[in-house]
N, C-alpha and C. Protein backbone atom coordinates (compact mmCIF):
# COMPACT_ATOMS: atom_id res chain seq x y z
N MET A 1 65.14 -30.95 -104.08
CA MET A 1 64.50 -32.05 -105.28
C MET A 1 65.94 -32.61 -105.40
N THR A 2 66.16 -34.15 -105.43
CA THR A 2 67.24 -34.59 -106.17
C THR A 2 67.58 -34.48 -107.65
N LEU A 3 68.51 -34.66 -108.13
CA LEU A 3 68.74 -34.54 -109.72
C LEU A 3 68.26 -35.75 -110.09
N THR A 4 68.09 -36.52 -109.56
CA THR A 4 67.57 -38.27 -110.08
C THR A 4 65.78 -37.61 -110.36
N ARG A 5 65.10 -36.84 -109.17
CA ARG A 5 63.92 -36.58 -109.16
C ARG A 5 63.45 -35.80 -110.20
N ALA A 6 64.47 -34.69 -110.51
CA ALA A 6 64.19 -33.75 -111.51
C ALA A 6 63.98 -34.11 -112.94
N HIS A 7 64.77 -35.18 -112.84
CA HIS A 7 65.19 -35.70 -114.37
C HIS A 7 63.74 -36.76 -114.59
N GLU A 8 62.96 -37.63 -113.75
CA GLU A 8 61.91 -38.00 -114.13
C GLU A 8 60.95 -37.05 -114.18
N LEU A 9 60.48 -36.42 -113.05
CA LEU A 9 59.72 -35.05 -113.68
C LEU A 9 59.74 -34.24 -115.06
N LEU A 10 60.82 -33.98 -115.19
CA LEU A 10 61.04 -33.36 -116.65
C LEU A 10 60.93 -34.30 -117.88
N ALA A 11 61.03 -35.56 -117.76
CA ALA A 11 61.05 -36.36 -118.92
C ALA A 11 59.26 -36.87 -118.81
N VAL A 12 58.32 -36.26 -117.67
CA VAL A 12 56.99 -36.41 -118.00
C VAL A 12 56.70 -35.25 -118.34
N GLN A 13 56.88 -34.30 -118.34
CA GLN A 13 56.91 -32.92 -119.09
C GLN A 13 57.09 -33.09 -120.24
N ALA A 14 58.64 -33.22 -120.99
CA ALA A 14 58.73 -33.55 -122.20
C ALA A 14 57.84 -34.37 -122.94
N ASP A 15 57.40 -35.31 -122.59
CA ASP A 15 56.68 -36.65 -122.97
C ASP A 15 55.45 -35.82 -123.54
N MET A 16 54.75 -35.15 -122.68
CA MET A 16 53.50 -34.41 -122.73
C MET A 16 54.07 -33.01 -123.44
N GLY A 17 54.68 -32.38 -123.29
CA GLY A 17 54.83 -31.42 -124.44
C GLY A 17 53.66 -30.24 -124.48
N GLY A 18 53.49 -29.15 -124.93
CA GLY A 18 52.82 -28.06 -124.93
C GLY A 18 52.94 -27.05 -123.77
N GLY A 19 52.17 -26.20 -124.03
CA GLY A 19 52.87 -24.74 -123.30
C GLY A 19 53.06 -25.35 -121.46
N TYR A 20 51.71 -25.53 -121.16
CA TYR A 20 51.69 -25.80 -119.49
C TYR A 20 52.93 -26.86 -119.21
N ASN A 21 53.09 -27.89 -120.03
CA ASN A 21 54.36 -28.58 -119.69
C ASN A 21 55.73 -27.77 -120.05
N ARG A 22 55.65 -26.61 -120.57
CA ARG A 22 56.77 -26.11 -120.90
C ARG A 22 56.80 -25.23 -119.53
N ASN A 23 55.93 -24.76 -119.08
CA ASN A 23 55.93 -23.49 -117.91
C ASN A 23 56.31 -24.59 -116.71
N GLY A 24 55.86 -26.07 -116.42
CA GLY A 24 56.43 -26.91 -115.26
C GLY A 24 57.39 -26.97 -115.69
N ALA A 25 58.30 -27.10 -116.74
CA ALA A 25 59.97 -27.68 -116.52
C ALA A 25 60.37 -26.48 -116.47
N ARG A 26 59.96 -25.52 -116.67
CA ARG A 26 60.71 -24.27 -116.34
C ARG A 26 60.98 -24.23 -114.45
N LEU A 27 59.45 -24.50 -114.20
CA LEU A 27 59.96 -24.39 -112.88
C LEU A 27 60.83 -25.11 -112.05
N ILE A 28 60.69 -26.32 -112.93
CA ILE A 28 61.60 -27.78 -112.04
C ILE A 28 63.11 -27.38 -112.64
N LEU A 29 63.22 -26.90 -113.39
CA LEU A 29 64.65 -26.16 -113.75
C LEU A 29 65.24 -25.27 -112.99
N ALA A 30 64.09 -24.18 -112.21
CA ALA A 30 64.27 -23.12 -111.83
C ALA A 30 64.58 -23.70 -110.28
N GLU A 31 64.32 -24.88 -109.97
CA GLU A 31 64.31 -25.33 -108.53
C GLU A 31 65.73 -25.94 -108.51
N VAL A 32 66.18 -26.86 -109.83
CA VAL A 32 67.56 -27.34 -109.87
C VAL A 32 68.53 -26.46 -109.68
N GLN A 33 68.38 -25.15 -110.35
CA GLN A 33 69.27 -24.50 -110.39
C GLN A 33 69.40 -23.67 -109.21
N ARG A 34 68.59 -23.53 -108.13
CA ARG A 34 68.61 -22.91 -107.13
C ARG A 34 69.55 -23.96 -106.19
N GLU A 35 69.31 -25.07 -106.38
CA GLU A 35 69.75 -26.52 -105.32
C GLU A 35 70.96 -27.04 -105.74
N HIS A 36 71.15 -27.11 -107.10
CA HIS A 36 72.23 -27.69 -107.76
C HIS A 36 73.23 -26.97 -108.87
N GLY A 37 72.64 -25.88 -108.82
CA GLY A 37 73.60 -24.47 -109.91
C GLY A 37 73.30 -25.14 -111.46
N GLN A 38 74.17 -24.14 -112.05
CA GLN A 38 73.68 -24.11 -113.55
C GLN A 38 74.24 -25.47 -114.44
N SER A 39 75.53 -25.75 -114.04
CA SER A 39 75.65 -26.75 -114.85
C SER A 39 74.93 -28.15 -114.64
N ALA A 40 74.35 -28.42 -113.79
CA ALA A 40 73.16 -29.40 -113.39
C ALA A 40 72.01 -28.83 -114.61
N VAL A 41 71.70 -27.86 -114.39
CA VAL A 41 70.18 -27.10 -115.61
C VAL A 41 70.92 -27.99 -116.74
N ASP A 42 72.10 -27.58 -117.15
CA ASP A 42 72.40 -27.54 -118.46
C ASP A 42 72.66 -28.99 -118.67
N GLN A 43 73.28 -29.72 -118.27
CA GLN A 43 73.13 -30.99 -117.99
C GLN A 43 71.37 -31.48 -118.60
N LEU A 44 70.93 -31.42 -117.65
CA LEU A 44 69.07 -31.63 -118.00
C LEU A 44 68.78 -31.34 -119.21
N ILE A 45 69.10 -30.20 -119.60
CA ILE A 45 68.40 -29.68 -120.88
C ILE A 45 69.16 -30.57 -121.94
N ARG A 46 70.30 -30.96 -121.83
CA ARG A 46 70.93 -31.57 -122.95
C ARG A 46 70.45 -33.05 -123.02
N GLU A 47 70.12 -33.90 -121.61
CA GLU A 47 70.17 -35.23 -121.52
C GLU A 47 68.61 -35.25 -122.32
N LEU A 48 67.70 -34.50 -121.98
CA LEU A 48 66.46 -34.74 -122.50
C LEU A 48 65.95 -34.08 -123.85
N ASP A 49 66.92 -33.22 -124.32
CA ASP A 49 66.63 -32.60 -125.49
C ASP A 49 65.81 -31.52 -125.18
N LEU A 50 65.66 -31.01 -124.13
CA LEU A 50 64.73 -29.67 -123.89
C LEU A 50 64.95 -28.45 -124.89
N GLU A 51 65.93 -28.33 -125.61
CA GLU A 51 66.25 -27.21 -126.49
C GLU A 51 64.85 -27.25 -127.86
N SER A 52 65.23 -28.47 -128.03
CA SER A 52 64.71 -28.67 -129.13
C SER A 52 62.96 -29.00 -129.01
N LEU A 53 62.69 -29.21 -127.75
CA LEU A 53 61.26 -29.50 -127.19
C LEU A 53 60.83 -28.19 -127.11
N PHE A 54 61.46 -27.40 -126.15
CA PHE A 54 60.94 -26.11 -125.44
C PHE A 54 61.71 -25.26 -125.75
N GLY A 55 62.62 -25.10 -126.26
CA GLY A 55 63.67 -23.81 -126.44
C GLY A 55 64.53 -23.54 -125.37
N PHE A 56 65.01 -24.41 -124.74
CA PHE A 56 65.68 -24.23 -123.15
C PHE A 56 66.65 -24.41 -123.84
N ARG A 57 67.99 -23.54 -123.89
CA ARG A 57 68.81 -23.52 -124.41
C ARG A 57 70.19 -23.49 -122.85
N PRO A 58 71.09 -24.66 -123.23
CA PRO A 58 72.42 -24.43 -122.29
C PRO A 58 72.51 -22.84 -121.97
N GLY A 59 72.68 -22.67 -120.35
CA GLY A 59 73.43 -21.56 -120.04
C GLY A 59 72.16 -20.35 -119.62
N THR A 60 70.85 -20.77 -120.17
CA THR A 60 69.86 -19.88 -120.08
C THR A 60 69.57 -20.10 -118.26
N GLU A 61 69.22 -18.82 -117.52
CA GLU A 61 69.16 -19.07 -116.22
C GLU A 61 67.61 -18.99 -115.68
N PHE A 62 67.34 -20.10 -114.85
CA PHE A 62 65.77 -20.23 -114.63
C PHE A 62 65.73 -19.96 -113.10
N HIS A 63 64.32 -18.95 -112.72
CA HIS A 63 64.29 -18.46 -111.52
C HIS A 63 62.30 -18.36 -111.55
N ALA A 64 62.18 -18.86 -109.95
CA ALA A 64 60.77 -19.12 -109.98
C ALA A 64 60.40 -17.47 -109.72
N PRO A 65 59.11 -17.68 -110.30
CA PRO A 65 58.35 -16.43 -109.68
C PRO A 65 58.29 -16.23 -108.26
N GLY A 66 58.20 -14.87 -108.42
CA GLY A 66 57.87 -14.29 -106.80
C GLY A 66 59.26 -13.99 -106.06
C-alpha cells in the first residue's frame, strides 16, 4: 500500500470516527508499519490527528492480528 493510499483510507476512518473505524485505522497503520516503518506511521498519526481521534500516539507499534 502506498502512503498516499494509506492517508486516503485513514482520512475516511477519521471522518467517520467510532470503534469500528478505530479498528480499521489500526489495521491500516499495521500495514503501513510493515511496509514503510515506524516513521511513516508516526507521520500519519500527526497529519491526521489520530491521537485526539483514536488515542494513537506516535511511537506506538501496530501489528496485524495473526
